[in-house]
N, C-alpha and C. Protein backbone atom coordinates (compact mmCIF):
# COMPACT_ATOMS: atom_id res chain seq x y z
N UNK A 1 20.18 31.58 39.65
CA UNK A 1 19.27 31.14 38.59
C UNK A 1 19.06 29.75 38.63
N UNK A 2 17.62 29.34 38.47
CA UNK A 2 17.14 27.84 38.67
C UNK A 2 16.61 27.31 37.09
N UNK A 3 17.11 26.31 36.91
CA UNK A 3 16.89 25.49 35.78
C UNK A 3 15.50 25.39 35.72
N UNK A 4 14.92 25.47 34.44
CA UNK A 4 13.41 24.93 34.26
C UNK A 4 12.91 23.71 33.76
N UNK A 5 12.58 23.04 34.70
CA UNK A 5 12.11 21.51 35.09
C UNK A 5 10.85 21.11 34.17
N UNK A 6 9.92 21.86 33.67
CA UNK A 6 8.96 21.20 32.66
C UNK A 6 9.40 20.74 31.59
N UNK A 7 8.53 19.93 30.93
CA UNK A 7 8.64 18.98 29.74
C UNK A 7 8.64 20.53 28.34
N UNK A 8 8.33 21.18 28.63
CA UNK A 8 8.35 22.24 27.72
C UNK A 8 9.74 23.19 27.45
N UNK A 9 10.16 22.62 28.46
CA UNK A 9 11.76 23.31 28.82
C UNK A 9 12.60 22.03 27.99
N UNK A 10 12.33 21.37 27.57
CA UNK A 10 13.33 19.97 26.88
C UNK A 10 13.68 20.48 25.81
N UNK A 11 15.04 20.19 25.21
CA UNK A 11 15.16 20.72 23.87
C UNK A 11 14.11 20.02 22.62
N UNK A 12 14.02 20.51 21.64
CA UNK A 12 13.32 20.08 20.81
C UNK A 12 13.84 18.89 20.03
N UNK A 13 13.74 17.54 20.38
CA UNK A 13 14.26 16.35 20.02
C UNK A 13 13.30 15.39 19.01
N UNK A 14 13.50 15.57 17.96
CA UNK A 14 12.48 14.90 17.10
C UNK A 14 12.32 13.12 17.42
N UNK A 15 13.07 12.71 18.15
CA UNK A 15 12.60 11.23 18.37
C UNK A 15 11.82 11.29 19.33
N UNK A 16 12.26 12.53 20.31
CA UNK A 16 11.33 12.42 21.80
C UNK A 16 9.90 12.87 21.30
N UNK A 17 9.97 13.81 20.49
CA UNK A 17 8.79 14.31 19.95
C UNK A 17 8.09 13.27 19.10
N UNK A 18 8.36 12.76 18.41
CA UNK A 18 7.81 11.26 17.59
C UNK A 18 7.27 10.32 18.68
N UNK A 19 7.84 10.35 19.57
CA UNK A 19 7.56 8.92 20.59
C UNK A 19 6.35 9.74 21.49
N UNK A 20 6.22 10.78 22.07
CA UNK A 20 5.24 11.56 22.51
C UNK A 20 4.07 11.59 21.88
N UNK A 21 4.17 11.98 20.50
CA UNK A 21 3.13 11.99 19.77
C UNK A 21 2.50 10.51 19.25
N UNK A 22 3.19 9.97 19.05
CA UNK A 22 3.09 8.41 18.49
C UNK A 22 2.40 7.73 19.87
N UNK A 23 2.67 7.84 21.15
CA UNK A 23 1.85 7.93 22.47
C UNK A 23 0.28 8.25 22.42
N UNK A 24 0.32 9.47 22.16
CA UNK A 24 -0.82 10.29 22.24
C UNK A 24 -1.95 9.44 21.14
N UNK A 25 -1.30 9.42 19.69
CA UNK A 25 -2.21 8.59 18.64
C UNK A 25 -2.46 7.42 19.03
N UNK A 26 -1.54 6.92 19.77
CA UNK A 26 -1.91 5.15 19.89
C UNK A 26 -2.77 5.18 20.88
N UNK A 27 -2.98 6.12 21.84
CA UNK A 27 -3.87 6.06 23.20
C UNK A 27 -5.52 6.44 22.57
N UNK A 28 -5.40 7.38 21.55
CA UNK A 28 -6.52 7.94 21.01
C UNK A 28 -6.91 6.62 19.86
N UNK A 29 -6.29 6.10 19.13
CA UNK A 29 -6.66 5.10 18.41
C UNK A 29 -7.27 4.29 18.89
N UNK A 30 -6.96 3.59 20.11
CA UNK A 30 -6.93 2.50 20.95
C UNK A 30 -8.62 2.82 21.57
N UNK A 31 -8.56 4.31 21.95
CA UNK A 31 -10.11 4.64 22.64
C UNK A 31 -11.04 4.71 21.28
N UNK A 32 -10.73 5.02 20.33
CA UNK A 32 -11.73 4.94 19.24
C UNK A 32 -12.30 3.39 18.97
N UNK A 33 -11.13 2.42 18.72
CA UNK A 33 -11.74 0.84 18.44
C UNK A 33 -12.46 0.23 19.61
N UNK A 34 -11.69 0.71 20.99
CA UNK A 34 -12.44 0.18 22.18
C UNK A 34 -14.22 -0.02 21.84
N UNK A 35 -14.68 0.85 21.15
CA UNK A 35 -16.39 0.50 20.83
C UNK A 35 -16.51 -0.63 20.36
N UNK A 36 -15.47 -1.09 19.57
CA UNK A 36 -16.35 -2.45 19.10
C UNK A 36 -15.22 -3.66 19.85
N UNK A 37 -14.36 -3.20 20.77
CA UNK A 37 -13.93 -4.23 21.72
C UNK A 37 -12.54 -5.10 21.10
N UNK A 38 -12.06 -4.11 20.11
CA UNK A 38 -10.93 -4.47 19.40
C UNK A 38 -9.57 -3.45 19.43
N UNK A 39 -8.39 -3.94 19.25
CA UNK A 39 -7.19 -3.36 19.54
C UNK A 39 -6.65 -3.06 17.90
N UNK A 40 -5.91 -2.02 18.07
CA UNK A 40 -5.32 -1.82 16.47
C UNK A 40 -4.60 -2.90 15.76
N UNK A 41 -4.48 -3.73 16.32
CA UNK A 41 -3.99 -5.21 15.40
C UNK A 41 -5.12 -5.97 14.64
N UNK A 42 -6.39 -6.06 15.74
CA UNK A 42 -7.26 -6.49 14.96
C UNK A 42 -8.05 -5.89 13.92
N UNK A 43 -8.08 -4.56 14.09
CA UNK A 43 -8.41 -3.24 13.08
C UNK A 43 -7.63 -3.83 11.75
N UNK A 44 -6.35 -4.14 11.67
CA UNK A 44 -5.22 -4.28 10.89
C UNK A 44 -5.75 -5.35 9.85
N UNK A 45 -6.08 -6.79 10.80
CA UNK A 45 -6.67 -7.95 10.25
C UNK A 45 -7.84 -7.82 9.36
N UNK A 46 -8.71 -7.04 9.98
CA UNK A 46 -9.92 -6.85 9.19
C UNK A 46 -9.95 -6.22 8.16
N UNK A 47 -9.27 -5.04 7.96
CA UNK A 47 -8.84 -4.52 6.60
C UNK A 47 -7.86 -5.18 5.74
N UNK A 48 -7.33 -6.51 6.18
CA UNK A 48 -6.52 -7.31 5.28
C UNK A 48 -7.37 -8.16 4.69
N UNK A 49 -8.52 -8.48 5.57
CA UNK A 49 -9.64 -9.24 5.06
C UNK A 49 -10.53 -8.95 4.12
N UNK A 50 -10.76 -7.51 4.48
CA UNK A 50 -11.34 -6.71 3.51
C UNK A 50 -10.95 -6.44 2.08
N UNK A 51 -9.57 -6.88 1.82
CA UNK A 51 -8.67 -6.70 0.64
C UNK A 51 -8.62 -8.16 -0.08
N UNK A 52 -8.30 -9.36 1.07
CA UNK A 52 -8.25 -10.76 0.62
C UNK A 52 -9.12 -11.50 1.34
N UNK A 53 -10.68 -11.43 1.28
CA UNK A 53 -11.44 -12.47 2.09
C UNK A 53 -11.21 -13.67 1.57
N UNK A 54 -11.27 -14.71 2.84
CA UNK A 54 -10.81 -15.96 2.37
C UNK A 54 -9.40 -16.38 2.40
N UNK A 55 -8.94 -15.66 3.03
CA UNK A 55 -7.05 -15.79 3.03
C UNK A 55 -6.86 -16.63 3.93
N UNK A 56 -5.86 -17.59 3.94
CA UNK A 56 -5.21 -18.57 5.03
C UNK A 56 -4.55 -17.64 6.22
N UNK A 57 -4.35 -18.35 7.36
CA UNK A 57 -3.94 -17.41 8.63
C UNK A 57 -2.56 -17.35 8.31
N UNK A 58 -1.59 -18.06 7.57
CA UNK A 58 -0.12 -18.03 6.87
C UNK A 58 -0.40 -16.63 6.08
N UNK A 59 -1.27 -16.60 4.92
CA UNK A 59 -1.02 -15.36 4.06
C UNK A 59 -1.53 -14.16 4.83
N UNK A 60 -2.34 -14.20 6.00
CA UNK A 60 -2.71 -13.00 7.07
C UNK A 60 -1.39 -12.76 7.80
N UNK A 61 -0.98 -13.53 8.12
CA UNK A 61 0.52 -13.21 8.71
C UNK A 61 1.61 -12.33 7.89
N UNK A 62 1.38 -12.83 6.45
CA UNK A 62 2.58 -12.43 5.74
C UNK A 62 2.03 -10.92 5.43
N UNK A 63 0.83 -10.77 5.19
CA UNK A 63 0.35 -9.44 4.58
C UNK A 63 0.41 -8.33 5.86
N UNK A 64 0.02 -8.86 6.89
CA UNK A 64 0.17 -8.09 8.29
C UNK A 64 1.31 -7.89 8.66
N UNK A 65 1.99 -8.96 8.65
CA UNK A 65 3.62 -9.08 9.37
C UNK A 65 3.20 -9.23 10.79
N UNK A 66 2.47 -10.14 11.25
CA UNK A 66 2.19 -10.24 12.52
C UNK A 66 2.59 -11.67 12.65
N UNK A 67 3.08 -12.56 13.61
CA UNK A 67 3.56 -13.64 13.80
C UNK A 67 2.34 -14.48 13.95
N UNK A 68 2.68 -15.54 13.67
CA UNK A 68 1.54 -16.88 13.66
C UNK A 68 0.76 -16.93 14.71
N UNK A 69 1.49 -16.94 16.01
CA UNK A 69 1.41 -16.92 17.16
C UNK A 69 0.08 -15.79 17.82
N UNK A 70 0.59 -14.85 17.45
CA UNK A 70 -0.52 -13.34 17.58
C UNK A 70 -1.43 -13.39 16.92
N UNK A 71 -1.45 -14.13 15.75
CA UNK A 71 -2.47 -14.08 14.41
C UNK A 71 -3.80 -14.69 14.77
N UNK A 72 -3.35 -16.39 15.76
CA UNK A 72 -4.10 -17.30 15.97
C UNK A 72 -5.23 -16.45 17.28
N UNK A 73 -4.21 -15.84 18.09
CA UNK A 73 -5.62 -15.14 19.08
C UNK A 73 -6.14 -14.00 18.63
N UNK A 74 -5.64 -13.10 17.83
CA UNK A 74 -6.64 -11.98 17.11
C UNK A 74 -7.39 -12.53 16.23
N UNK A 75 -7.40 -14.00 15.63
CA UNK A 75 -8.70 -14.17 14.73
C UNK A 75 -9.54 -15.03 15.85
N UNK A 76 -9.05 -15.54 17.00
CA UNK A 76 -9.88 -16.17 18.08
C UNK A 76 -10.81 -14.85 18.45
N UNK A 77 -10.30 -13.87 18.94
CA UNK A 77 -11.32 -12.78 19.29
C UNK A 77 -11.82 -12.27 18.24
N UNK A 78 -11.78 -12.06 16.83
CA UNK A 78 -12.69 -11.61 16.06
C UNK A 78 -13.59 -12.59 15.75
N UNK A 79 -13.10 -13.95 15.85
CA UNK A 79 -14.37 -14.84 15.84
C UNK A 79 -15.58 -14.55 16.84
N UNK A 80 -14.97 -14.75 18.17
CA UNK A 80 -15.82 -14.47 19.12
C UNK A 80 -16.48 -13.06 19.03
N UNK A 81 -16.00 -12.67 18.64
CA UNK A 81 -16.99 -10.81 18.15
C UNK A 81 -17.90 -11.30 17.26
N UNK A 82 -17.67 -11.98 16.42
CA UNK A 82 -18.56 -12.30 15.48
C UNK A 82 -18.01 -11.34 13.97
N UNK A 83 -16.79 -11.23 13.95
CA UNK A 83 -16.49 -10.44 13.05
C UNK A 83 -15.75 -10.78 11.68
N UNK A 84 -15.50 -12.30 12.14
CA UNK A 84 -14.58 -13.21 11.17
C UNK A 84 -15.19 -14.73 11.45
N UNK A 85 -14.88 -15.54 10.54
CA UNK A 85 -14.67 -16.92 10.92
C UNK A 85 -13.99 -17.37 9.79
N UNK A 86 -13.74 -18.67 10.70
CA UNK A 86 -12.58 -19.79 9.95
C UNK A 86 -13.45 -20.94 9.21
N UNK A 87 -12.64 -21.47 7.95
CA UNK A 87 -13.45 -22.47 7.85
C UNK A 87 -12.50 -23.31 6.58
N UNK A 88 -12.58 -24.35 6.70
CA UNK A 88 -11.71 -25.48 5.71
C UNK A 88 -11.77 -24.79 4.26
N UNK A 89 -10.59 -25.12 4.14
CA UNK A 89 -10.22 -24.81 2.46
C UNK A 89 -10.82 -25.78 2.00
N UNK A 90 -11.66 -25.86 0.75
CA UNK A 90 -12.20 -27.16 0.02
C UNK A 90 -11.17 -27.71 -0.57
N UNK A 91 -10.30 -27.10 -0.94
CA UNK A 91 -9.19 -27.97 -1.79
C UNK A 91 -8.09 -28.65 -1.14
N UNK A 92 -8.03 -27.87 0.11
CA UNK A 92 -6.81 -28.75 0.83
C UNK A 92 -7.53 -28.40 2.74
N UNK A 93 -7.82 -29.53 2.92
CA UNK A 93 -8.45 -29.75 4.20
C UNK A 93 -7.77 -29.31 5.53
N UNK A 94 -6.68 -29.40 5.29
CA UNK A 94 -5.88 -29.14 6.40
C UNK A 94 -5.50 -27.64 6.71
N UNK A 95 -6.14 -26.73 5.75
CA UNK A 95 -5.84 -25.67 5.72
C UNK A 95 -7.33 -24.70 6.14
N UNK A 96 -7.16 -23.69 7.08
CA UNK A 96 -7.98 -22.79 7.25
C UNK A 96 -7.84 -21.73 6.31
N UNK A 97 -9.16 -20.77 5.89
CA UNK A 97 -9.59 -19.83 5.26
C UNK A 97 -10.09 -18.96 6.48
N UNK A 98 -9.80 -17.51 6.51
CA UNK A 98 -10.39 -16.75 7.29
C UNK A 98 -11.21 -15.84 6.29
N UNK A 99 -12.49 -15.30 6.80
CA UNK A 99 -13.19 -14.54 5.87
C UNK A 99 -14.07 -13.72 7.14
N UNK A 100 -14.33 -12.63 6.47
CA UNK A 100 -15.30 -11.94 7.40
C UNK A 100 -16.85 -12.01 7.41
N UNK A 101 -17.33 -11.89 8.15
CA UNK A 101 -18.62 -11.96 8.44
C UNK A 101 -19.43 -10.91 7.87
N UNK A 102 -20.79 -10.57 7.71
CA UNK A 102 -21.49 -9.18 7.32
C UNK A 102 -21.61 -8.39 8.82
N UNK A 103 -21.66 -9.02 9.88
CA UNK A 103 -21.04 -7.94 11.15
C UNK A 103 -19.80 -7.60 10.73
N UNK A 104 -18.90 -8.34 10.52
CA UNK A 104 -17.55 -7.75 10.59
C UNK A 104 -17.22 -6.87 9.41
N UNK A 105 -18.07 -6.93 8.37
CA UNK A 105 -18.09 -5.87 7.42
C UNK A 105 -18.53 -4.84 7.78
N UNK A 106 -19.63 -4.63 8.06
CA UNK A 106 -20.32 -3.29 8.66
C UNK A 106 -19.61 -2.77 9.97
N UNK A 107 -18.81 -3.87 11.10
CA UNK A 107 -18.40 -3.06 11.86
C UNK A 107 -16.88 -2.46 11.30
N UNK A 108 -16.27 -3.23 10.11
CA UNK A 108 -15.26 -2.55 9.80
C UNK A 108 -15.34 -1.16 9.15
N UNK A 109 -16.82 -0.93 8.86
CA UNK A 109 -16.91 -0.21 7.94
C UNK A 109 -17.37 1.29 8.85
N UNK A 110 -18.04 1.20 9.97
CA UNK A 110 -18.04 1.98 11.08
C UNK A 110 -16.61 2.21 11.80
N UNK A 111 -15.57 1.34 11.88
CA UNK A 111 -14.69 1.35 12.35
C UNK A 111 -13.73 2.31 11.75
N UNK A 112 -13.70 2.37 10.46
CA UNK A 112 -12.65 2.76 9.58
C UNK A 112 -13.42 4.52 9.38
N UNK A 113 -14.77 4.65 9.26
CA UNK A 113 -15.21 5.93 9.54
C UNK A 113 -14.69 6.58 10.85
N UNK A 114 -14.63 6.12 12.08
CA UNK A 114 -14.75 6.55 13.15
C UNK A 114 -12.80 6.79 13.55
N UNK A 115 -12.06 5.96 12.73
CA UNK A 115 -10.84 6.27 12.58
C UNK A 115 -10.51 7.24 11.71
N UNK A 116 -10.97 7.38 10.72
CA UNK A 116 -10.86 8.57 9.80
C UNK A 116 -11.29 9.73 10.57
N UNK A 117 -12.47 9.64 11.26
CA UNK A 117 -12.67 11.11 12.06
C UNK A 117 -11.35 11.71 12.85
N UNK A 118 -11.04 10.42 13.70
CA UNK A 118 -9.96 10.77 15.03
C UNK A 118 -8.53 11.43 13.91
N UNK A 119 -8.35 10.78 12.85
CA UNK A 119 -7.28 11.02 12.20
C UNK A 119 -7.64 12.67 11.66
N UNK A 120 -8.67 13.15 11.23
CA UNK A 120 -8.98 14.25 10.64
C UNK A 120 -8.96 15.02 11.83
N UNK A 121 -9.53 14.87 12.95
CA UNK A 121 -9.20 15.77 14.13
C UNK A 121 -7.74 15.94 14.51
N UNK A 122 -7.28 14.75 14.82
CA UNK A 122 -5.81 15.05 15.28
C UNK A 122 -4.88 15.64 14.52
N UNK A 123 -5.04 15.57 13.13
CA UNK A 123 -4.27 16.34 12.36
C UNK A 123 -5.01 17.48 11.82
N UNK A 124 -6.03 18.29 12.33
CA UNK A 124 -6.43 19.49 12.02
C UNK A 124 -5.42 20.72 12.08
N UNK A 125 -4.56 20.57 13.24
CA UNK A 125 -3.75 21.90 13.05
C UNK A 125 -2.89 21.75 11.85
N UNK A 126 -2.77 20.85 11.28
CA UNK A 126 -1.61 20.84 10.06
C UNK A 126 -2.81 21.38 8.76
N UNK A 127 -1.85 21.93 7.72
CA UNK A 127 -2.40 22.59 6.71
C UNK A 127 -2.74 21.15 5.58
N UNK A 128 -3.31 20.58 4.46
CA UNK A 128 -3.54 19.66 3.86
C UNK A 128 -2.02 19.84 3.09
N UNK A 129 -1.10 20.24 2.84
CA UNK A 129 0.13 20.12 2.58
C UNK A 129 0.97 19.71 3.38
N UNK A 130 0.84 20.04 4.55
CA UNK A 130 1.90 19.69 5.90
C UNK A 130 1.30 18.21 6.29
N UNK A 131 -0.05 18.01 6.02
CA UNK A 131 -0.36 16.64 6.34
C UNK A 131 0.28 15.59 5.46
N UNK A 132 0.12 15.92 4.17
CA UNK A 132 0.93 15.23 2.88
C UNK A 132 2.32 14.80 3.22
N UNK A 133 2.98 15.92 3.41
CA UNK A 133 4.31 15.69 3.73
C UNK A 133 4.86 15.11 4.90
N UNK A 134 3.94 15.41 6.26
CA UNK A 134 4.19 14.10 7.35
C UNK A 134 3.68 12.87 6.87
N UNK A 135 2.81 12.34 6.22
CA UNK A 135 2.53 11.10 5.81
C UNK A 135 3.88 10.47 4.94
N UNK A 136 4.34 11.36 4.20
CA UNK A 136 5.40 11.21 3.19
C UNK A 136 6.67 10.58 3.82
N UNK A 137 6.77 11.86 5.26
CA UNK A 137 7.97 11.56 5.94
C UNK A 137 8.00 10.24 6.48
N UNK A 138 6.72 9.89 7.72
CA UNK A 138 6.52 9.01 8.41
C UNK A 138 6.64 7.83 7.42
N UNK A 139 6.30 7.81 6.54
CA UNK A 139 6.41 6.38 5.27
C UNK A 139 7.87 6.11 5.32
N UNK A 140 8.60 7.35 4.79
CA UNK A 140 10.07 6.90 4.60
C UNK A 140 10.87 6.28 5.81
N UNK A 141 10.40 6.79 6.78
CA UNK A 141 10.95 6.53 8.16
C UNK A 141 10.45 5.14 8.39
N UNK A 142 9.18 4.82 8.32
CA UNK A 142 8.65 3.46 8.71
C UNK A 142 9.62 2.48 7.75
N UNK A 143 9.64 2.42 6.46
CA UNK A 143 10.20 1.55 5.72
C UNK A 143 11.75 1.36 6.39
N UNK A 144 12.37 2.13 7.14
CA UNK A 144 13.86 1.72 7.76
C UNK A 144 13.49 1.01 8.77
N UNK A 145 12.62 0.84 9.20
CA UNK A 145 12.31 0.01 10.35
C UNK A 145 12.25 -1.56 10.30
N UNK A 146 12.70 -2.74 10.96
CA UNK A 146 12.82 -3.93 10.81
C UNK A 146 11.25 -4.42 10.25
N UNK A 147 10.31 -3.57 10.93
CA UNK A 147 8.71 -4.28 10.21
C UNK A 147 8.50 -3.78 8.80
N UNK A 148 8.90 -2.42 8.59
CA UNK A 148 8.46 -1.60 7.49
C UNK A 148 9.61 -1.97 6.23
N UNK A 149 10.68 -2.68 6.39
CA UNK A 149 11.42 -3.37 5.31
C UNK A 149 10.74 -3.95 4.17
N UNK A 150 9.62 -4.52 4.76
CA UNK A 150 8.89 -5.30 3.55
C UNK A 150 8.43 -4.30 2.83
N UNK A 151 8.23 -3.06 2.90
CA UNK A 151 7.47 -1.82 2.22
C UNK A 151 6.71 -1.03 2.80
N UNK A 152 5.74 -0.13 1.86
CA UNK A 152 5.30 0.90 2.74
C UNK A 152 4.14 0.82 3.03
N UNK A 153 3.48 1.22 4.14
CA UNK A 153 1.94 1.16 4.50
C UNK A 153 1.18 2.39 4.07
N UNK A 154 1.75 3.09 3.49
CA UNK A 154 1.05 4.51 3.10
C UNK A 154 -0.07 4.18 1.82
N UNK A 155 0.55 3.38 0.98
CA UNK A 155 -0.33 3.15 -0.11
C UNK A 155 -1.38 2.64 0.14
N UNK A 156 -2.81 3.49 -0.16
CA UNK A 156 -4.09 2.92 0.01
C UNK A 156 -4.65 2.93 1.69
N UNK A 157 -3.64 3.48 2.24
CA UNK A 157 -4.19 3.77 3.80
C UNK A 157 -3.55 5.29 4.18
N UNK A 158 -3.31 5.92 3.26
CA UNK A 158 -2.74 7.51 3.82
C UNK A 158 -3.93 8.02 4.97
N UNK A 159 -3.07 8.50 5.89
CA UNK A 159 -3.90 9.12 6.88
C UNK A 159 -4.31 8.27 8.02
N UNK A 160 -4.33 7.09 7.95
CA UNK A 160 -4.75 6.11 8.48
C UNK A 160 -3.87 5.56 9.73
N UNK A 161 -4.05 5.93 11.03
CA UNK A 161 -2.88 5.28 11.92
C UNK A 161 -2.96 3.77 11.92
N UNK A 162 -2.08 3.31 12.21
CA UNK A 162 -1.97 1.81 12.25
C UNK A 162 -1.77 1.06 13.57
């Protein structure tokens, strides 16, 4: 008797399945954002700026849980694309504030629609109740990770991949 070697013959292991689904979602999400020449972390920074425009780079690091070295590169790219701009804080000239540009607001709105459409298509095999249960379970798991110990990502962004 020959053992089956296909992936479908592997036992249902939650970690393995989450890893494979996560890889698929990440690839699809990156493909969606490629239209705007950004990666998921750029999208995260744009979303943070949309909620707190005129934030310092340090405030953005804290809000997004992105280290300062990566944040500089992310903002450099967003500036080059015309989506964000840095300016001196009028109250403290040593500090830079980052703000969305008009082009950045428009691009973010379009990215958000595209990301929402992608998520809707990806989750289509699940009922609304299953989608809510999945989001809640993933949020619960996220909060146990080193990154997630600072709190939930689900509030205000349910259904959007990060």
